[in-house]
C-alpha atoms as a PDB file:
ATOM      1  CA  UNK A   1     118.364 164.291 139.537  1.00  0.00           C
ATOM      2  CA  UNK A   2     119.500 167.249 137.387  1.00  0.00           C
ATOM      3  CA  UNK A   3     122.723 169.123 138.614  1.00  0.00           C
ATOM      4  CA  UNK A   4     120.872 172.446 139.180  1.00  0.00           C
ATOM      5  CA  UNK A   5     118.188 170.778 141.213  1.00  0.00           C
ATOM      6  CA  UNK A   6     120.715 168.991 143.247  1.00  0.00           C
ATOM      7  CA  UNK A   7     122.674 172.093 143.932  1.00  0.00           C
ATOM      8  CA  UNK A   8     119.463 173.929 144.878  1.00  0.00           C
ATOM      9  CA  UNK A   9     118.424 170.928 147.264  1.00  0.00           C
ATOM     10  CA  UNK A  10     121.736 170.821 148.916  1.00  0.00           C
ATOM     11  CA  UNK A  11     121.835 174.681 149.266  1.00  0.00           C
ATOM     12  CA  UNK A  12     118.481 174.365 151.190  1.00  0.00           C
ATOM     13  CA  UNK A  13     120.088 172.002 153.614  1.00  0.00           C
ATOM     14  CA  UNK A  14     118.323 168.811 152.293  1.00  0.00           C
ATOM     15  CA  UNK A  15     119.959 165.432 151.574  1.00  0.00           C
ATOM     16  CA  UNK A  16     119.509 163.548 148.560  1.00  0.00           C
ATOM     17  CA  UNK A  17     118.317 160.585 150.852  1.00  0.00           C
ATOM     18  CA  UNK A  18     115.742 162.733 152.597  1.00  0.00           C
ATOM     19  CA  UNK A  19     114.470 163.929 149.255  1.00  0.00           C
ATOM     20  CA  UNK A  20     114.092 160.459 148.039  1.00  0.00           C
ATOM     21  CA  UNK A  21     112.277 159.295 151.253  1.00  0.00           C
ATOM     22  CA  UNK A  22     109.869 162.194 151.162  1.00  0.00           C
ATOM     23  CA  UNK A  23     109.196 161.379 147.432  1.00  0.00           C
ATOM     24  CA  UNK A  24     108.356 157.632 148.245  1.00  0.00           C
ATOM     25  CA  UNK A  25     106.456 158.461 151.553  1.00  0.00           C
ATOM     26  CA  UNK A  26     102.809 157.474 151.157  1.00  0.00           C
ATOM     27  CA  UNK A  27     103.240 156.065 147.637  1.00  0.00           C
ATOM     28  CA  UNK A  28     104.027 152.642 148.955  1.00  0.00           C
ATOM     29  CA  UNK A  29     101.670 152.573 151.944  1.00  0.00           C
ATOM     30  CA  UNK A  30      98.639 154.282 151.064  1.00  0.00           C
ATOM     31  CA  UNK A  31      96.288 154.128 148.045  1.00  0.00           C
ATOM     32  CA  UNK A  32      94.485 157.180 146.407  1.00  0.00           C
ATOM     33  CA  UNK A  33      91.400 156.059 147.927  1.00  0.00           C
ATOM     34  CA  UNK A  34      92.586 156.398 151.262  1.00  0.00           C
ATOM     35  CA  UNK A  35      92.947 152.721 152.354  1.00  0.00           C
ATOM     36  CA  UNK A  36      96.524 151.202 153.073  1.00  0.00           C
ATOM     37  CA  UNK A  37      98.121 148.616 150.777  1.00  0.00           C
ATOM     38  CA  UNK A  38      99.007 146.521 153.652  1.00  0.00           C
ATOM     39  CA  UNK A  39      95.300 146.264 154.816  1.00  0.00           C
ATOM     40  CA  UNK A  40      93.959 145.683 151.151  1.00  0.00           C
ATOM     41  CA  UNK A  41      96.654 142.887 150.642  1.00  0.00           C
ATOM     42  CA  UNK A  42      95.147 140.739 153.402  1.00  0.00           C
ATOM     43  CA  UNK A  43      92.874 138.011 152.866  1.00  0.00           C
ATOM     44  CA  UNK A  44      89.273 138.363 153.335  1.00  0.00           C
ATOM     45  CA  UNK A  45      88.066 136.956 156.667  1.00  0.00           C
ATOM     46  CA  UNK A  46      85.626 134.533 155.139  1.00  0.00           C
ATOM     47  CA  UNK A  47      88.035 133.096 152.537  1.00  0.00           C
ATOM     48  CA  UNK A  48      88.939 130.153 154.146  1.00  0.00           C
ATOM     49  CA  UNK A  49      85.311 129.072 155.076  1.00  0.00           C
ATOM     50  CA  UNK A  50      84.294 129.350 151.612  1.00  0.00           C
ATOM     51  CA  UNK A  51      81.833 126.633 150.612  1.00  0.00           C
ATOM     52  CA  UNK A  52      82.856 123.673 152.620  1.00  0.00           C
ATOM     53  CA  UNK A  53      83.288 126.153 155.599  1.00  0.00           C
ATOM     54  CA  UNK A  54      85.853 123.708 157.369  1.00  0.00           C
ATOM     55  CA  UNK A  55      88.564 126.436 157.798  1.00  0.00           C
ATOM     56  CA  UNK A  56      90.575 125.715 154.568  1.00  0.00           C
ATOM     57  CA  UNK A  57      90.242 125.908 150.925  1.00  0.00           C
ATOM     58  CA  UNK A  58      90.464 122.458 148.915  1.00  0.00           C
ATOM     59  CA  UNK A  59      91.015 122.359 145.204  1.00  0.00           C
ATOM     60  CA  UNK A  60      91.213 119.454 143.049  1.00  0.00           C
ATOM     61  CA  UNK A  61      93.104 119.238 139.821  1.00  0.00           C
ATOM     62  CA  UNK A  62      92.162 116.417 137.311  1.00  0.00           C
ATOM     63  CA  UNK A  63      93.897 115.603 134.166  1.00  0.00           C
ATOM     64  CA  UNK A  64      93.075 113.241 131.321  1.00  0.00           C
ATOM     65  CA  UNK A  65      96.476 111.325 131.373  1.00  0.00           C
ATOM     66  CA  UNK A  66      98.924 111.400 134.513  1.00  0.00           C
ATOM     67  CA  UNK A  67     100.611 108.284 133.326  1.00  0.00           C
ATOM     68  CA  UNK A  68     103.138 109.610 130.689  1.00  0.00           C
ATOM     69  CA  UNK A  69     105.060 112.287 132.700  1.00  0.00           C
ATOM     70  CA  UNK A  70     103.697 115.457 130.633  1.00  0.00           C
ATOM     71  CA  UNK A  71     101.357 116.670 133.502  1.00  0.00           C
ATOM     72  CA  UNK A  72     104.220 116.221 136.226  1.00  0.00           C
ATOM     73  CA  UNK A  73     105.267 119.891 135.881  1.00  0.00           C
ATOM     74  CA  UNK A  74     101.503 121.000 135.982  1.00  0.00           C
ATOM     75  CA  UNK A  75     101.052 119.297 139.298  1.00  0.00           C
ATOM     76  CA  UNK A  76     104.446 120.748 140.396  1.00  0.00           C
ATOM     77  CA  UNK A  77     103.040 124.361 139.281  1.00  0.00           C
ATOM     78  CA  UNK A  78      99.850 123.460 141.117  1.00  0.00           C
ATOM     79  CA  UNK A  79     101.549 122.632 144.191  1.00  0.00           C
ATOM     80  CA  UNK A  80     103.763 125.654 144.322  1.00  0.00           C
ATOM     81  CA  UNK A  81     100.663 128.049 144.026  1.00  0.00           C
ATOM     82  CA  UNK A  82      98.728 126.103 146.507  1.00  0.00           C
ATOM     83  CA  UNK A  83     101.610 126.625 149.172  1.00  0.00           C
ATOM     84  CA  UNK A  84     101.715 130.280 148.230  1.00  0.00           C
ATOM     85  CA  UNK A  85      98.099 130.749 148.932  1.00  0.00           C
ATOM     86  CA  UNK A  86      97.449 128.369 151.762  1.00  0.00           C
ATOM     87  CA  UNK A  87      95.399 125.866 149.673  1.00  0.00           C
ATOM     88  CA  UNK A  88      95.021 122.072 150.406  1.00  0.00           C
ATOM     89  CA  UNK A  89      95.452 120.533 146.956  1.00  0.00           C
ATOM     90  CA  UNK A  90      94.213 117.315 145.617  1.00  0.00           C
ATOM     91  CA  UNK A  91      96.019 116.013 142.633  1.00  0.00           C
ATOM     92  CA  UNK A  92      94.341 113.400 140.466  1.00  0.00           C
ATOM     93  CA  UNK A  93      94.350 112.039 136.981  1.00  0.00           C
ATOM     94  CA  UNK A  94      93.826 109.005 134.552  1.00  0.00           C
ATOM     95  CA  UNK A  95      96.634 106.644 135.319  1.00  0.00           C
ATOM     96  CA  UNK A  96      96.996 105.635 131.523  1.00  0.00           C
ATOM     97  CA  UNK A  97      99.860 106.985 129.563  1.00  0.00           C
ATOM     98  CA  UNK A  98      97.562 108.086 126.828  1.00  0.00           C
ATOM     99  CA  UNK A  99      94.420 110.230 126.713  1.00  0.00           C
ATOM    100  CA  UNK A 100      91.863 108.466 128.880  1.00  0.00           C
ATOM    101  CA  UNK A 101      88.897 110.702 128.787  1.00  0.00           C
ATOM    102  CA  UNK A 102      86.331 108.381 130.429  1.00  0.00           C
ATOM    103  CA  UNK A 103      88.596 107.699 133.253  1.00  0.00           C
ATOM    104  CA  UNK A 104      88.971 111.420 133.947  1.00  0.00           C
ATOM    105  CA  UNK A 105      85.214 112.170 133.838  1.00  0.00           C
ATOM    106  CA  UNK A 106      84.798 109.201 136.327  1.00  0.00           C
ATOM    107  CA  UNK A 107      87.366 110.914 138.593  1.00  0.00           C
ATOM    108  CA  UNK A 108      85.301 114.298 138.110  1.00  0.00           C
ATOM    109  CA  UNK A 109      82.129 112.619 138.893  1.00  0.00           C
ATOM    110  CA  UNK A 110      83.389 111.635 142.290  1.00  0.00           C
ATOM    111  CA  UNK A 111      84.905 115.028 142.753  1.00  0.00           C
ATOM    112  CA  UNK A 112      81.586 116.875 142.367  1.00  0.00           C
ATOM    113  CA  UNK A 113      79.951 114.717 145.162  1.00  0.00           C
ATOM    114  CA  UNK A 114      82.815 115.631 147.617  1.00  0.00           C
ATOM    115  CA  UNK A 115      81.572 118.186 150.221  1.00  0.00           C
ATOM    116  CA  UNK A 116      85.104 119.415 150.988  1.00  0.00           C
ATOM    117  CA  UNK A 117      86.035 120.556 147.546  1.00  0.00           C
ATOM    118  CA  UNK A 118      85.977 124.416 146.975  1.00  0.00           C
ATOM    119  CA  UNK A 119      87.364 124.633 143.625  1.00  0.00           C
ATOM    120  CA  UNK A 120      87.904 122.310 140.652  1.00  0.00           C
ATOM    121  CA  UNK A 121      90.661 122.471 137.762  1.00  0.00           C
ATOM    122  CA  UNK A 122      90.045 120.189 134.826  1.00  0.00           C
ATOM    123  CA  UNK A 123      91.324 119.436 131.577  1.00  0.00           C
ATOM    124  CA  UNK A 124      88.770 119.427 128.897  1.00  0.00           C
ATOM    125  CA  UNK A 125      90.114 117.636 125.812  1.00  0.00           C
ATOM    126  CA  UNK A 126      86.823 116.258 124.328  1.00  0.00           C
ATOM    127  CA  UNK A 127      84.335 119.070 123.680  1.00  0.00           C
ATOM    128  CA  UNK A 128      80.852 118.698 125.278  1.00  0.00           C
ATOM    129  CA  UNK A 129      81.859 116.044 127.582  1.00  0.00           C
ATOM    130  CA  UNK A 130      82.180 118.097 130.780  1.00  0.00           C
ATOM    131  CA  UNK A 131      78.841 120.238 130.582  1.00  0.00           C
ATOM    132  CA  UNK A 132      77.030 118.170 133.105  1.00  0.00           C
ATOM    133  CA  UNK A 133      80.105 118.363 135.553  1.00  0.00           C
ATOM    134  CA  UNK A 134      80.281 121.992 135.236  1.00  0.00           C
ATOM    135  CA  UNK A 135      76.484 122.574 135.869  1.00  0.00           C
ATOM    136  CA  UNK A 136      76.633 120.437 138.926  1.00  0.00           C
ATOM    137  CA  UNK A 137      79.549 122.357 140.267  1.00  0.00           C
ATOM    138  CA  UNK A 138      77.788 125.636 139.618  1.00  0.00           C
ATOM    139  CA  UNK A 139      74.784 124.492 141.234  1.00  0.00           C
ATOM    140  CA  UNK A 140      76.872 124.123 144.343  1.00  0.00           C
ATOM    141  CA  UNK A 141      78.721 127.340 143.839  1.00  0.00           C
ATOM    142  CA  UNK A 142      82.050 125.893 143.359  1.00  0.00           C
ATOM    143  CA  UNK A 143      84.055 127.713 140.875  1.00  0.00           C
ATOM    144  CA  UNK A 144      85.836 125.814 137.992  1.00  0.00           C
ATOM    145  CA  UNK A 145      88.986 126.561 135.971  1.00  0.00           C
ATOM    146  CA  UNK A 146      90.141 124.688 132.707  1.00  0.00           C
ATOM    147  CA  UNK A 147      93.619 123.965 131.826  1.00  0.00           C
ATOM    148  CA  UNK A 148      95.793 122.611 128.991  1.00  0.00           C
ATOM    149  CA  UNK A 149      93.010 121.587 126.565  1.00  0.00           C
ATOM    150  CA  UNK A 150      90.295 124.152 125.478  1.00  0.00           C
ATOM    151  CA  UNK A 151      86.631 123.587 125.054  1.00  0.00           C
ATOM    152  CA  UNK A 152      85.156 126.600 123.450  1.00  0.00           C
ATOM    153  CA  UNK A 153      81.457 125.292 123.966  1.00  0.00           C
ATOM    154  CA  UNK A 154      81.796 124.308 127.597  1.00  0.00           C
ATOM    155  CA  UNK A 155      79.013 125.466 129.899  1.00  0.00           C
ATOM    156  CA  UNK A 156      79.771 129.240 131.182  1.00  0.00           C
ATOM    157  CA  UNK A 157      82.781 129.347 128.884  1.00  0.00           C
ATOM    158  CA  UNK A 158      83.099 133.166 129.383  1.00  0.00           C
ATOM    159  CA  UNK A 159      82.812 132.824 133.079  1.00  0.00           C
ATOM    160  CA  UNK A 160      85.612 130.246 133.428  1.00  0.00           C
ATOM    161  CA  UNK A 161      89.266 130.838 133.113  1.00  0.00           C
ATOM    162  CA  UNK A 162      91.423 128.931 130.799  1.00  0.00           C
ATOM    163  CA  UNK A 163      95.057 128.313 130.951  1.00  0.00           C
ATOM    164  CA  UNK A 164      97.082 126.898 128.104  1.00  0.00           C
ATOM    165  CA  UNK A 165      97.980 127.447 124.581  1.00  0.00           C
ATOM    166  CA  UNK A 166      95.789 127.787 121.406  1.00  0.00           C
ATOM    167  CA  UNK A 167      96.228 124.762 118.874  1.00  0.00           C
ATOM    168  CA  UNK A 168      97.392 127.427 116.397  1.00  0.00           C
ATOM    169  CA  UNK A 169     100.706 127.508 118.229  1.00  0.00           C
ATOM    170  CA  UNK A 170     101.607 124.243 116.612  1.00  0.00           C
ATOM    171  CA  UNK A 171     102.240 126.393 113.500  1.00  0.00           C
ATOM    172  CA  UNK A 172     105.661 127.224 115.021  1.00  0.00           C
ATOM    173  CA  UNK A 173     106.507 123.480 114.547  1.00  0.00           C
ATOM    174  CA  UNK A 174     105.428 123.393 110.943  1.00  0.00           C
ATOM    175  CA  UNK A 175     107.554 126.649 110.152  1.00  0.00           C
ATOM    176  CA  UNK A 176     110.540 125.020 111.942  1.00  0.00           C
ATOM    177  CA  UNK A 177     110.150 121.676 110.100  1.00  0.00           C
ATOM    178  CA  UNK A 178     110.421 123.799 106.653  1.00  0.00           C
ATOM    179  CA  UNK A 179     113.475 125.624 108.059  1.00  0.00           C
ATOM    180  CA  UNK A 180     115.184 122.289 108.766  1.00  0.00           C
ATOM    181  CA  UNK A 181     114.485 120.987 105.290  1.00  0.00           C
ATOM    182  CA  UNK A 182     115.723 124.107 103.660  1.00  0.00           C
ATOM    183  CA  UNK A 183     118.856 124.252 105.747  1.00  0.00           C
ATOM    184  CA  UNK A 184     119.469 120.636 105.038  1.00  0.00           C
ATOM    185  CA  UNK A 185     119.012 121.296 101.340  1.00  0.00           C
ATOM    186  CA  UNK A 186     116.481 118.452 101.188  1.00  0.00           C
ATOM    187  CA  UNK A 187     115.162 118.403  97.489  1.00  0.00           C
ATOM    188  CA  UNK A 188     111.998 116.421  98.207  1.00  0.00           C
ATOM    189  CA  UNK A 189     110.179 113.550  99.924  1.00  0.00           C
ATOM    190  CA  UNK A 190     107.209 112.771 102.091  1.00  0.00           C
ATOM    191  CA  UNK A 191     106.361 114.698 105.413  1.00  0.00           C
ATOM    192  CA  UNK A 192     104.010 112.786 107.694  1.00  0.00           C
ATOM    193  CA  UNK A 193     101.828 113.773 110.664  1.00  0.00           C
ATOM    194  CA  UNK A 194     100.951 110.713 112.690  1.00  0.00           C
ATOM    195  CA  UNK A 195      98.201 111.039 115.491  1.00  0.00           C
ATOM    196  CA  UNK A 196      95.971 108.871 117.442  1.00  0.00           C
ATOM    197  CA  UNK A 197      92.886 110.570 115.733  1.00  0.00           C
ATOM    198  CA  UNK A 198      90.257 107.907 117.131  1.00  0.00           C
ATOM    199  CA  UNK A 199      90.887 109.125 120.666  1.00  0.00           C
ATOM    200  CA  UNK A 200      88.899 112.117 119.954  1.00  0.00           C
ATOM    201  CA  UNK A 201      91.135 114.788 121.391  1.00  0.00           C
ATOM    202  CA  UNK A 202      89.988 117.846 119.486  1.00  0.00           C
ATOM    203  CA  UNK A 203      92.778 120.090 120.771  1.00  0.00           C
ATOM    204  CA  UNK A 204      95.591 117.667 119.598  1.00  0.00           C
ATOM    205  CA  UNK A 205      93.767 117.199 116.194  1.00  0.00           C
ATOM    206  CA  UNK A 206      93.736 120.852 115.693  1.00  0.00           C
ATOM    207  CA  UNK A 207      97.461 121.140 116.413  1.00  0.00           C
ATOM    208  CA  UNK A 208      97.944 118.758 113.524  1.00  0.00           C
ATOM    209  CA  UNK A 209      95.921 120.931 111.109  1.00  0.00           C
ATOM    210  CA  UNK A 210      97.796 124.078 112.294  1.00  0.00           C
ATOM    211  CA  UNK A 211     101.198 122.433 111.828  1.00  0.00           C
ATOM    212  CA  UNK A 212     100.276 121.040 108.468  1.00  0.00           C
ATOM    213  CA  UNK A 213      98.753 124.367 107.233  1.00  0.00           C
ATOM    214  CA  UNK A 214     102.108 126.023 108.368  1.00  0.00           C
ATOM    215  CA  UNK A 215     104.036 123.600 106.544  1.00  0.00           C
ATOM    216  CA  UNK A 216     102.379 123.937 103.202  1.00  0.00           C
ATOM    217  CA  UNK A 217     102.529 127.847 103.722  1.00  0.00           C
ATOM    218  CA  UNK A 218     106.147 127.806 104.414  1.00  0.00           C
ATOM    219  CA  UNK A 219     106.940 125.258 101.580  1.00  0.00           C
ATOM    220  CA  UNK A 220     104.958 127.356  99.239  1.00  0.00           C
ATOM    221  CA  UNK A 221     106.799 130.744 100.264  1.00  0.00           C
ATOM    222  CA  UNK A 222     110.143 128.805  99.660  1.00  0.00           C
ATOM    223  CA  UNK A 223     108.985 127.702  96.147  1.00  0.00           C
ATOM    224  CA  UNK A 224     109.339 124.134  97.256  1.00  0.00           C
ATOM    225  CA  UNK A 225     105.648 122.851  97.858  1.00  0.00           C
ATOM    226  CA  UNK A 226     105.649 120.893  94.494  1.00  0.00           C
ATOM    227  CA  UNK A 227     108.659 118.993  95.535  1.00  0.00           C
ATOM    228  CA  UNK A 228     107.266 117.435  98.527  1.00  0.00           C
ATOM    229  CA  UNK A 229     104.279 114.984  99.671  1.00  0.00           C
ATOM    230  CA  UNK A 230     102.468 116.428 102.774  1.00  0.00           C
ATOM    231  CA  UNK A 231     100.202 113.790 104.367  1.00  0.00           C
ATOM    232  CA  UNK A 232      98.152 114.755 107.352  1.00  0.00           C
ATOM    233  CA  UNK A 233      95.462 112.128 106.680  1.00  0.00           C
ATOM    234  CA  UNK A 234      92.101 112.563 104.781  1.00  0.00           C
ATOM    235  CA  UNK A 235      90.889 115.344 107.052  1.00  0.00           C
ATOM    236  CA  UNK A 236      94.298 117.064 107.851  1.00  0.00           C
ATOM    237  CA  UNK A 237      94.115 116.169 111.521  1.00  0.00           C
ATOM    238  CA  UNK A 238      96.749 113.379 111.245  1.00  0.00           C
ATOM    239  CA  UNK A 239      97.410 109.832 109.890  1.00  0.00           C
ATOM    240  CA  UNK A 240      95.818 107.356 112.519  1.00  0.00           C
ATOM    241  CA  UNK A 241      98.436 105.106 114.133  1.00  0.00           C
ATOM    242  CA  UNK A 242      97.734 102.369 116.741  1.00  0.00           C
ATOM    243  CA  UNK A 243      97.718 103.633 120.251  1.00  0.00           C
ATOM    244  CA  UNK A 244      98.285 100.086 121.454  1.00  0.00           C
ATOM    245  CA  UNK A 245     101.356  99.709 119.229  1.00  0.00           C
ATOM    246  CA  UNK A 246     102.341 103.215 118.891  1.00  0.00           C
ATOM    247  CA  UNK A 247     106.088 102.966 118.011  1.00  0.00           C
ATOM    248  CA  UNK A 248     105.566  99.812 115.755  1.00  0.00           C
ATOM    249  CA  UNK A 249     102.811 101.495 113.898  1.00  0.00           C
ATOM    250  CA  UNK A 250     104.833 104.670 113.135  1.00  0.00           C
ATOM    251  CA  UNK A 251     107.792 102.371 112.039  1.00  0.00           C
ATOM    252  CA  UNK A 252     105.458 100.759 109.546  1.00  0.00           C
ATOM    253  CA  UNK A 253     104.219 104.137 108.515  1.00  0.00           C
ATOM    254  CA  UNK A 254     107.689 105.328 107.817  1.00  0.00           C
ATOM    255  CA  UNK A 255     108.878 102.218 105.961  1.00  0.00           C
ATOM    256  CA  UNK A 256     105.674 102.197 103.931  1.00  0.00           C
ATOM    257  CA  UNK A 257     106.361 105.580 102.483  1.00  0.00           C
ATOM    258  CA  UNK A 258     109.993 104.883 101.833  1.00  0.00           C
ATOM    259  CA  UNK A 259     111.102 108.656 101.486  1.00  0.00           C
ATOM    260  CA  UNK A 260     110.103 110.313 104.688  1.00  0.00           C
ATOM    261  CA  UNK A 261     111.996 113.496 105.212  1.00  0.00           C
ATOM    262  CA  UNK A 262     109.766 115.451 107.759  1.00  0.00           C
ATOM    263  CA  UNK A 263     107.403 114.457 110.351  1.00  0.00           C
ATOM    264  CA  UNK A 264     105.409 116.275 113.227  1.00  0.00           C
ATOM    265  CA  UNK A 265     103.481 114.648 116.193  1.00  0.00           C
ATOM    266  CA  UNK A 266     101.108 116.701 118.319  1.00  0.00           C
ATOM    267  CA  UNK A 267     101.279 115.445 122.010  1.00  0.00           C
ATOM    268  CA  UNK A 268     103.287 113.906 124.669  1.00  0.00           C
ATOM    269  CA  UNK A 269     102.258 110.294 123.742  1.00  0.00           C
ATOM    270  CA  UNK A 270     102.958 110.284 119.999  1.00  0.00           C
ATOM    271  CA  UNK A 271     105.894 112.590 120.025  1.00  0.00           C
ATOM    272  CA  UNK A 272     108.216 110.200 121.931  1.00  0.00           C
ATOM    273  CA  UNK A 273     107.054 107.244 120.012  1.00  0.00           C
ATOM    274  CA  UNK A 274     107.973 109.090 116.850  1.00  0.00           C
ATOM    275  CA  UNK A 275     111.494 109.565 118.099  1.00  0.00           C
ATOM    276  CA  UNK A 276     111.584 106.013 118.970  1.00  0.00           C
ATOM    277  CA  UNK A 277     110.380 104.985 115.500  1.00  0.00           C
ATOM    278  CA  UNK A 278     113.080 107.095 113.837  1.00  0.00           C
ATOM    279  CA  UNK A 279     115.712 105.580 115.945  1.00  0.00           C
ATOM    280  CA  UNK A 280     114.441 102.232 115.092  1.00  0.00           C
ATOM    281  CA  UNK A 281     114.808 102.678 111.370  1.00  0.00           C
ATOM    282  CA  UNK A 282     118.369 104.355 112.032  1.00  0.00           C
ATOM    283  CA  UNK A 283     117.404 107.780 110.909  1.00  0.00           C
ATOM    284  CA  UNK A 284     118.701 110.021 113.473  1.00  0.00           C
ATOM    285  CA  UNK A 285     119.605 113.312 112.179  1.00  0.00           C
ATOM    286  CA  UNK A 286     118.258 112.572 108.715  1.00  0.00           C
ATOM    287  CA  UNK A 287     114.529 113.270 109.288  1.00  0.00           C
ATOM    288  CA  UNK A 288     113.509 116.663 110.236  1.00  0.00           C
ATOM    289  CA  UNK A 289     111.229 115.513 113.113  1.00  0.00           C
ATOM    290  CA  UNK A 290     109.297 117.730 115.487  1.00  0.00           C
ATOM    291  CA  UNK A 291     106.661 117.195 118.171  1.00  0.00           C
ATOM    292  CA  UNK A 292     104.895 118.552 121.120  1.00  0.00           C
ATOM    293  CA  UNK A 293     105.768 118.561 124.875  1.00  0.00           C
ATOM    294  CA  UNK A 294     109.260 118.454 126.586  1.00  0.00           C
ATOM    295  CA  UNK A 295     109.132 115.428 128.753  1.00  0.00           C
ATOM    296  CA  UNK A 296     112.542 113.813 129.750  1.00  0.00           C
ATOM    297  CA  UNK A 297     112.134 111.328 126.883  1.00  0.00           C
ATOM    298  CA  UNK A 298     111.622 114.095 124.339  1.00  0.00           C
ATOM    299  CA  UNK A 299     114.526 115.968 125.603  1.00  0.00           C
ATOM    300  CA  UNK A 300     116.932 112.952 125.348  1.00  0.00           C
ATOM    301  CA  UNK A 301     115.598 112.175 121.868  1.00  0.00           C
ATOM    302  CA  UNK A 302     116.504 115.960 120.986  1.00  0.00           C
ATOM    303  CA  UNK A 303     119.875 115.369 122.278  1.00  0.00           C
ATOM    304  CA  UNK A 304     120.368 112.131 120.117  1.00  0.00           C
ATOM    305  CA  UNK A 305     118.952 113.747 117.006  1.00  0.00           C
ATOM    306  CA  UNK A 306     115.857 111.182 117.093  1.00  0.00           C
ATOM    307  CA  UNK A 307     113.932 114.491 117.289  1.00  0.00           C
ATOM    308  CA  UNK A 308     115.089 117.649 115.647  1.00  0.00           C
ATOM    309  CA  UNK A 309     113.018 119.654 117.968  1.00  0.00           C
ATOM    310  CA  UNK A 310     109.804 119.917 120.080  1.00  0.00           C
ATOM    311  CA  UNK A 311     107.464 122.614 121.494  1.00  0.00           C
ATOM    312  CA  UNK A 312     106.837 123.039 125.004  1.00  0.00           C
ATOM    313  CA  UNK A 313     103.650 124.447 126.189  1.00  0.00           C
ATOM    314  CA  UNK A 314     104.884 125.732 129.646  1.00  0.00           C
ATOM    315  CA  UNK A 315     102.957 122.928 131.795  1.00  0.00           C
ATOM    316  CA  UNK A 316     104.133 124.341 134.922  1.00  0.00           C
ATOM    317  CA  UNK A 317     101.957 127.345 134.192  1.00  0.00           C
ATOM    318  CA  UNK A 318      98.964 125.212 133.331  1.00  0.00           C
ATOM    319  CA  UNK A 319      99.047 124.107 137.088  1.00  0.00           C
ATOM    320  CA  UNK A 320     100.189 127.283 138.706  1.00  0.00           C
ATOM    321  CA  UNK A 321      97.719 129.817 137.154  1.00  0.00           C
ATOM    322  CA  UNK A 322      94.556 127.808 137.550  1.00  0.00           C
ATOM    323  CA  UNK A 323      95.039 127.491 141.341  1.00  0.00           C
ATOM    324  CA  UNK A 324      95.991 131.265 141.693  1.00  0.00           C
ATOM    325  CA  UNK A 325      92.961 131.997 139.594  1.00  0.00           C
ATOM    326  CA  UNK A 326      90.516 129.948 141.561  1.00  0.00           C
ATOM    327  CA  UNK A 327      91.953 131.649 144.673  1.00  0.00           C
ATOM    328  CA  UNK A 328      91.554 135.127 143.369  1.00  0.00           C
ATOM    329  CA  UNK A 329      87.871 134.283 142.366  1.00  0.00           C
ATOM    330  CA  UNK A 330      86.896 133.332 145.810  1.00  0.00           C
ATOM    331  CA  UNK A 331      88.993 135.967 147.726  1.00  0.00           C
ATOM    332  CA  UNK A 332      88.800 138.731 145.130  1.00  0.00           C
ATOM    333  CA  UNK A 333      85.892 138.167 142.868  1.00  0.00           C
ATOM    334  CA  UNK A 334      88.329 138.088 139.888  1.00  0.00           C
ATOM    335  CA  UNK A 335      87.186 135.565 137.381  1.00  0.00           C
ATOM    336  CA  UNK A 336      87.732 134.392 133.805  1.00  0.00           C
ATOM    337  CA  UNK A 337      91.365 135.762 133.408  1.00  0.00           C
ATOM    338  CA  UNK A 338      92.918 133.632 130.850  1.00  0.00           C
ATOM    339  CA  UNK A 339      96.430 132.922 130.397  1.00  0.00           C
ATOM    340  CA  UNK A 340      98.324 131.986 127.164  1.00  0.00           C
ATOM    341  CA  UNK A 341     101.225 129.796 127.652  1.00  0.00           C
ATOM    342  CA  UNK A 342     102.255 129.726 124.012  1.00  0.00           C
ATOM    343  CA  UNK A 343     104.867 127.407 122.556  1.00  0.00           C
ATOM    344  CA  UNK A 344     108.445 127.183 123.391  1.00  0.00           C
ATOM    345  CA  UNK A 345     110.603 125.582 120.445  1.00  0.00           C
ATOM    346  CA  UNK A 346     113.502 123.633 121.794  1.00  0.00           C
ATOM    347  CA  UNK A 347     116.240 122.111 119.775  1.00  0.00           C
ATOM    348  CA  UNK A 348     119.707 120.588 120.360  1.00  0.00           C
ATOM    349  CA  UNK A 349     120.938 124.199 120.846  1.00  0.00           C
ATOM    350  CA  UNK A 350     118.674 124.995 123.712  1.00  0.00           C
ATOM    351  CA  UNK A 351     117.580 121.596 125.276  1.00  0.00           C
ATOM    352  CA  UNK A 352     120.139 121.771 128.070  1.00  0.00           C
ATOM    353  CA  UNK A 353     118.610 125.258 129.266  1.00  0.00           C
ATOM    354  CA  UNK A 354     115.196 123.875 130.152  1.00  0.00           C
ATOM    355  CA  UNK A 355     113.690 121.393 132.607  1.00  0.00           C
ATOM    356  CA  UNK A 356     116.171 122.347 135.445  1.00  0.00           C
ATOM    357  CA  UNK A 357     113.199 123.464 137.759  1.00  0.00           C
ATOM    358  CA  UNK A 358     110.459 121.092 136.886  1.00  0.00           C
ATOM    359  CA  UNK A 359     108.915 123.616 134.353  1.00  0.00           C
ATOM    360  CA  UNK A 360     108.858 121.436 131.311  1.00  0.00           C
END
């Protein structure tokens, strides 16, 4: 408060504390519309009896791979939100360490028949594969939220919230790869983009394309494009490697090219395999190798130099927000509020600052 106002207030016999209390009175308790914020913040009387009418909300979250650890923070985030909102949470997913879309769909087909389910969260890595499931849930009046992988053509896309990052965020990895090459004064060589393209994960394929394009652009801007061979496969969605021998096939790829100086992988399955392959060929700290996701293995590989860095897609939020969104949709009528979790580049300088609270 300016001195002249403070002096006037004191002259009128008012304390600064009483002035502050008067200024705040009403502003924290009552809305302009006349209702109290305390009443407005209460859960609606019928929320817990939504759909199943059993006195509790039950949500299911289903992912396409619960076997490699990437989605662990997603399940943690979902559990945190479920406890905050009083939701019973069922956590499900394919047991495989690699994308297993048929298994996820089989689980979802069971979920849509369950009369106790009030909301469903699903990953949607294969475009068009989930439309019938969404239609069945809509017919039962059960809200859906998608997370992690984005299907732009899914039934009722504009009415369904999505939590995750756009595949274009992988460009951050391509840019970082070129910065690494320039910093290390690498004169030329081959840059590879290994990927399990045959698994049909459109989101992952699009990440490879985004990283490839960013790499080309950054090398061109640095005047070094002509010095490097950049190989992202015939369609720029990656060089296909063997999912059943993932490390060995990447080792073979590296050895066959003889001059690999850079590499980028696009998910939590291929990225740690890339790190293992680089260690096997004894190229730690010699290849500018970047990837996606920040599981414990990737973090350790960054520390050892098997990976130069990796992009975290904030998987905790990919569990937390969909649960919150479904609750808000049921209790408040708030739907289709998307959350972009972006990409967090982690290198040796920052790796010890993440993962302490199960967020990556």
